[in-house]
Amino acid sequence: MQAEKKILQPQSAEAAYKELVRMGMSDKEGFSIKTFMKYYRK
């Protein structure tokens, strides 16, 4: 959907990660900022 310009994602992967953790996403092993940044598409 992002390629079709139907959704907007934050430019900063760190900001997106912080918001997801705030909403309840786990930040344990396998859900670290490093892993998230590896798979985040800008």
PDB file of N, CA and C in Angstrom:
ATOM      1  N   MET A   1       0.809  -1.188   0.000  1.00  0.00           N
ATOM      2  CA  MET A   1       0.000   0.000   0.000  1.00  0.00           C
ATOM      3  C   MET A   1       0.857   1.257   0.000  1.00  0.00           C
ATOM      4  N   GLN A   2       2.026   1.183   0.606  1.00  0.00           N
ATOM      5  CA  GLN A   2       2.859   2.378   0.638  1.00  0.00           C
ATOM      6  C   GLN A   2       3.356   2.730  -0.756  1.00  0.00           C
ATOM      7  N   ALA A   3       3.630   1.721  -1.580  1.00  0.00           N
ATOM      8  CA  ALA A   3       4.080   1.978  -2.945  1.00  0.00           C
ATOM      9  C   ALA A   3       2.993   2.686  -3.748  1.00  0.00           C
ATOM     10  N   GLU A   4       1.736   2.442  -3.393  1.00  0.00           N
ATOM     11  CA  GLU A   4       0.616   3.083  -4.076  1.00  0.00           C
ATOM     12  C   GLU A   4       0.248   4.423  -3.439  1.00  0.00           C
ATOM     13  N   LYS A   5       1.037   4.867  -2.451  1.00  0.00           N
ATOM     14  CA  LYS A   5       0.822   6.147  -1.757  1.00  0.00           C
ATOM     15  C   LYS A   5      -0.513   6.196  -1.014  1.00  0.00           C
ATOM     16  N   LYS A   6      -0.960   5.036  -0.496  1.00  0.00           N
ATOM     17  CA  LYS A   6      -2.220   4.986   0.236  1.00  0.00           C
ATOM     18  C   LYS A   6      -2.012   5.075   1.750  1.00  0.00           C
ATOM     19  N   ILE A   7      -0.800   4.801   2.214  1.00  0.00           N
ATOM     20  CA  ILE A   7      -0.495   4.948   3.635  1.00  0.00           C
ATOM     21  C   ILE A   7       0.811   5.724   3.776  1.00  0.00           C
ATOM     22  N   LEU A   8       0.963   6.386   4.879  1.00  0.00           N
ATOM     23  CA  LEU A   8       2.194   7.117   5.157  1.00  0.00           C
ATOM     24  C   LEU A   8       2.869   6.501   6.368  1.00  0.00           C
ATOM     25  N   GLN A   9       4.179   6.325   6.292  1.00  0.00           N
ATOM     26  CA  GLN A   9       4.953   5.800   7.402  1.00  0.00           C
ATOM     27  C   GLN A   9       5.882   6.894   7.908  1.00  0.00           C
ATOM     28  N   PRO A  10       6.178   6.878   9.205  1.00  0.00           N
ATOM     29  CA  PRO A  10       7.145   7.847   9.727  1.00  0.00           C
ATOM     30  C   PRO A  10       8.504   7.668   9.041  1.00  0.00           C
ATOM     31  N   GLN A  11       9.191   8.751   8.766  1.00  0.00           N
ATOM     32  CA  GLN A  11      10.502   8.670   8.136  1.00  0.00           C
ATOM     33  C   GLN A  11      11.529   8.042   9.073  1.00  0.00           C
ATOM     34  N   SER A  12      11.361   8.238  10.358  1.00  0.00           N
ATOM     35  CA  SER A  12      12.296   7.714  11.338  1.00  0.00           C
ATOM     36  C   SER A  12      11.820   6.356  11.852  1.00  0.00           C
ATOM     37  N   ALA A  13      12.633   5.331  11.657  1.00  0.00           N
ATOM     38  CA  ALA A  13      12.295   3.997  12.155  1.00  0.00           C
ATOM     39  C   ALA A  13      12.240   3.992  13.679  1.00  0.00           C
ATOM     40  N   GLU A  14      13.080   4.793  14.305  1.00  0.00           N
ATOM     41  CA  GLU A  14      13.097   4.852  15.762  1.00  0.00           C
ATOM     42  C   GLU A  14      11.791   5.413  16.315  1.00  0.00           C
ATOM     43  N   ALA A  15      11.244   6.417  15.657  1.00  0.00           N
ATOM     44  CA  ALA A  15       9.969   6.987  16.092  1.00  0.00           C
ATOM     45  C   ALA A  15       8.847   5.964  15.951  1.00  0.00           C
ATOM     46  N   ALA A  16       8.856   5.211  14.864  1.00  0.00           N
ATOM     47  CA  ALA A  16       7.837   4.180  14.655  1.00  0.00           C
ATOM     48  C   ALA A  16       7.966   3.088  15.716  1.00  0.00           C
ATOM     49  N   TYR A  17       9.189   2.680  16.019  1.00  0.00           N
ATOM     50  CA  TYR A  17       9.424   1.642  17.023  1.00  0.00           C
ATOM     51  C   TYR A  17       8.941   2.100  18.403  1.00  0.00           C
ATOM     52  N   LYS A  18       9.274   3.319  18.774  1.00  0.00           N
ATOM     53  CA  LYS A  18       8.857   3.845  20.082  1.00  0.00           C
ATOM     54  C   LYS A  18       7.338   3.878  20.203  1.00  0.00           C
ATOM     55  N   GLU A  19       6.657   4.255  19.136  1.00  0.00           N
ATOM     56  CA  GLU A  19       5.195   4.304  19.156  1.00  0.00           C
ATOM     57  C   GLU A  19       4.602   2.899  19.274  1.00  0.00           C
ATOM     58  N   LEU A  20       5.172   1.938  18.567  1.00  0.00           N
ATOM     59  CA  LEU A  20       4.680   0.553  18.655  1.00  0.00           C
ATOM     60  C   LEU A  20       4.878  -0.017  20.056  1.00  0.00           C
ATOM     61  N   VAL A  21       6.010   0.267  20.672  1.00  0.00           N
ATOM     62  CA  VAL A  21       6.258  -0.192  22.046  1.00  0.00           C
ATOM     63  C   VAL A  21       5.273   0.487  22.999  1.00  0.00           C
ATOM     64  N   ARG A  22       5.028   1.770  22.776  1.00  0.00           N
ATOM     65  CA  ARG A  22       4.069   2.495  23.610  1.00  0.00           C
ATOM     66  C   ARG A  22       2.676   1.878  23.506  1.00  0.00           C
ATOM     67  N   MET A  23       2.311   1.397  22.332  1.00  0.00           N
ATOM     68  CA  MET A  23       0.990   0.805  22.135  1.00  0.00           C
ATOM     69  C   MET A  23       0.916  -0.649  22.581  1.00  0.00           C
ATOM     70  N   GLY A  24       2.045  -1.234  22.992  1.00  0.00           N
ATOM     71  CA  GLY A  24       1.987  -2.576  23.558  1.00  0.00           C
ATOM     72  C   GLY A  24       2.846  -3.628  22.895  1.00  0.00           C
ATOM     73  N   MET A  25       3.580  -3.288  21.852  1.00  0.00           N
ATOM     74  CA  MET A  25       4.455  -4.277  21.222  1.00  0.00           C
ATOM     75  C   MET A  25       5.581  -4.645  22.193  1.00  0.00           C
ATOM     76  N   SER A  26       5.928  -5.908  22.208  1.00  0.00           N
ATOM     77  CA  SER A  26       6.996  -6.380  23.084  1.00  0.00           C
ATOM     78  C   SER A  26       8.327  -5.753  22.677  1.00  0.00           C
ATOM     79  N   ASP A  27       9.183  -5.516  23.655  1.00  0.00           N
ATOM     80  CA  ASP A  27      10.531  -5.049  23.345  1.00  0.00           C
ATOM     81  C   ASP A  27      11.567  -6.036  23.872  1.00  0.00           C
ATOM     82  N   LYS A  28      11.149  -7.279  23.988  1.00  0.00           N
ATOM     83  CA  LYS A  28      12.037  -8.353  24.452  1.00  0.00           C
ATOM     84  C   LYS A  28      12.901  -8.856  23.293  1.00  0.00           C
ATOM     85  N   GLU A  29      13.592  -9.958  23.506  1.00  0.00           N
ATOM     86  CA  GLU A  29      14.469 -10.546  22.499  1.00  0.00           C
ATOM     87  C   GLU A  29      13.694 -10.841  21.214  1.00  0.00           C
ATOM     88  N   GLY A  30      14.263 -10.459  20.086  1.00  0.00           N
ATOM     89  CA  GLY A  30      13.603 -10.647  18.803  1.00  0.00           C
ATOM     90  C   GLY A  30      12.767  -9.455  18.378  1.00  0.00           C
ATOM     91  N   PHE A  31      12.518  -8.531  19.303  1.00  0.00           N
ATOM     92  CA  PHE A  31      11.733  -7.341  18.999  1.00  0.00           C
ATOM     93  C   PHE A  31      12.535  -6.083  19.327  1.00  0.00           C
ATOM     94  N   SER A  32      13.836  -6.162  19.227  1.00  0.00           N
ATOM     95  CA  SER A  32      14.680  -5.021  19.586  1.00  0.00           C
ATOM     96  C   SER A  32      14.653  -3.960  18.492  1.00  0.00           C
ATOM     97  N   ILE A  33      15.148  -2.793  18.824  1.00  0.00           N
ATOM     98  CA  ILE A  33      15.213  -1.691  17.854  1.00  0.00           C
ATOM     99  C   ILE A  33      16.108  -2.072  16.680  1.00  0.00           C
ATOM    100  N   LYS A  34      17.164  -2.817  16.951  1.00  0.00           N
ATOM    101  CA  LYS A  34      18.089  -3.240  15.895  1.00  0.00           C
ATOM    102  C   LYS A  34      17.372  -4.127  14.874  1.00  0.00           C
ATOM    103  N   THR A  35      16.588  -5.088  15.344  1.00  0.00           N
ATOM    104  CA  THR A  35      15.836  -5.973  14.456  1.00  0.00           C
ATOM    105  C   THR A  35      14.782  -5.187  13.691  1.00  0.00           C
ATOM    106  N   PHE A  36      14.096  -4.298  14.382  1.00  0.00           N
ATOM    107  CA  PHE A  36      13.055  -3.495  13.744  1.00  0.00           C
ATOM    108  C   PHE A  36      13.637  -2.649  12.616  1.00  0.00           C
ATOM    109  N   MET A  37      14.769  -2.022  12.857  1.00  0.00           N
ATOM    110  CA  MET A  37      15.388  -1.160  11.854  1.00  0.00           C
ATOM    111  C   MET A  37      15.857  -1.964  10.644  1.00  0.00           C
ATOM    112  N   LYS A  38      16.197  -3.225  10.855  1.00  0.00           N
ATOM    113  CA  LYS A  38      16.639  -4.079   9.760  1.00  0.00           C
ATOM    114  C   LYS A  38      15.509  -4.320   8.756  1.00  0.00           C
ATOM    115  N   TYR A  39      14.277  -4.428   9.244  1.00  0.00           N
ATOM    116  CA  TYR A  39      13.142  -4.766   8.390  1.00  0.00           C
ATOM    117  C   TYR A  39      12.209  -3.601   8.069  1.00  0.00           C
ATOM    118  N   TYR A  40      12.457  -2.442   8.632  1.00  0.00           N
ATOM    119  CA  TYR A  40      11.603  -1.280   8.401  1.00  0.00           C
ATOM    120  C   TYR A  40      11.830  -0.722   7.018  1.00  0.00           C
ATOM    121  N   ARG A  41      10.762  -0.530   6.267  1.00  0.00           N
ATOM    122  CA  ARG A  41      10.868   0.049   4.924  1.00  0.00           C
ATOM    123  C   ARG A  41      10.561   1.528   4.971  1.00  0.00           C
ATOM    124  N   LYS A  42      11.425   2.317   4.384  1.00  0.00           N
ATOM    125  CA  LYS A  42      11.252   3.765   4.395  1.00  0.00           C
ATOM    126  C   LYS A  42      10.431   4.205   3.211  1.00  0.00           C
TER     127      LYS A  42
END
